[in-house]
Protein backbone atom coordinates (compact mmCIF):
# COMPACT_ATOMS: atom_id res chain seq x y z
CA MET A 1 6.30 9.36 -40.54
CA VAL A 2 5.80 11.71 -37.58
CA ARG A 3 8.58 13.99 -38.79
CA ARG A 4 7.09 14.21 -42.30
CA ARG A 5 3.63 14.95 -40.93
CA ALA A 6 5.01 17.64 -38.63
CA LEU A 7 6.84 19.31 -41.52
CA ALA A 8 3.70 19.13 -43.67
CA ALA A 9 1.76 20.82 -40.85
CA GLY A 10 4.33 23.61 -40.73
CA ILE A 11 5.84 22.60 -37.39
CA LYS A 12 9.46 23.71 -37.44
CA THR A 13 10.52 22.06 -34.17
CA GLN A 14 12.35 18.75 -34.54
CA ILE A 15 9.78 16.12 -33.63
CA GLY A 16 9.64 12.37 -34.02
CA ASN A 17 8.45 9.14 -32.43
CA HIS A 18 10.88 9.49 -29.54
CA THR A 19 9.48 12.96 -28.81
CA PHE A 20 6.09 11.40 -28.09
CA ARG A 21 7.68 8.66 -26.03
CA ALA A 22 9.65 11.18 -23.94
CA THR A 23 6.55 13.36 -23.47
CA GLY A 24 4.46 10.42 -22.26
CA ILE A 25 7.10 9.10 -19.88
CA THR A 26 7.81 12.57 -18.49
CA ALA A 27 4.11 13.31 -17.95
CA TYR A 28 3.63 9.97 -16.21
CA LEU A 29 6.57 10.58 -13.88
CA LYS A 30 5.47 14.18 -13.14
CA ASN A 31 2.09 12.83 -12.06
CA GLY A 32 3.58 10.49 -9.49
CA GLY A 33 4.30 7.42 -11.58
CA THR A 34 7.30 5.29 -10.75
CA LEU A 35 10.30 4.79 -13.00
CA GLU A 36 9.83 1.03 -12.74
CA ASN A 37 6.23 1.20 -13.99
CA ALA A 38 7.20 3.65 -16.75
CA ALA A 39 9.90 1.20 -17.88
CA ALA A 40 7.39 -1.64 -17.94
CA MET A 41 4.86 0.39 -19.94
CA ALA A 42 7.57 1.45 -22.41
CA ASN A 43 8.72 -2.18 -22.67
CA HIS A 44 12.23 -1.27 -21.53
CA ALA A 45 14.36 -4.04 -20.05
CA SER A 46 16.17 -1.52 -17.85
CA THR A 47 15.07 1.62 -16.00
CA ARG A 48 18.32 3.19 -17.22
CA THR A 49 16.83 3.25 -20.72
CA THR A 50 13.65 4.85 -19.40
CA GLN A 51 15.69 7.54 -17.65
CA LEU A 52 16.92 8.67 -21.07
CA TYR A 53 13.34 9.70 -21.89
CA ASP A 54 12.72 11.54 -18.61
CA ARG A 55 12.64 15.26 -19.47
CA ARG A 56 11.77 16.60 -16.02
CA ARG A 57 15.25 18.12 -15.64
CA ASP A 58 14.63 20.16 -18.80
CA ASP A 59 11.64 21.80 -17.08
CA ILE A 60 13.76 22.64 -14.06
CA SER A 61 16.35 24.27 -16.29
CA LEU A 62 13.68 26.34 -18.05
CA ASP A 63 12.21 27.43 -14.71
CA GLU A 64 15.67 28.52 -13.56
CA VAL A 65 16.26 30.53 -16.74
CA GLU A 66 12.87 32.23 -16.38
CA ARG A 67 13.72 33.19 -12.79
CA ILE A 68 16.74 35.10 -14.09
CA TYR A 69 14.52 37.22 -16.33
CA LEU A 70 11.99 38.13 -13.62
């Protein structure tokens, strides 16, 4: 449903339910939340599953690429 709505809105980026989940978990962790609490809120049995949604490393990579172009 999310993907169809995004396409209808003209959003070309691949987006879906897991995108929202990853965004929420990443924002929570960036703001000082713990992996254990994020796992509990996401109803994950294991923090290893929650780590799959943690996109903080993607931000670090983007920051590093931008430093090259400065």
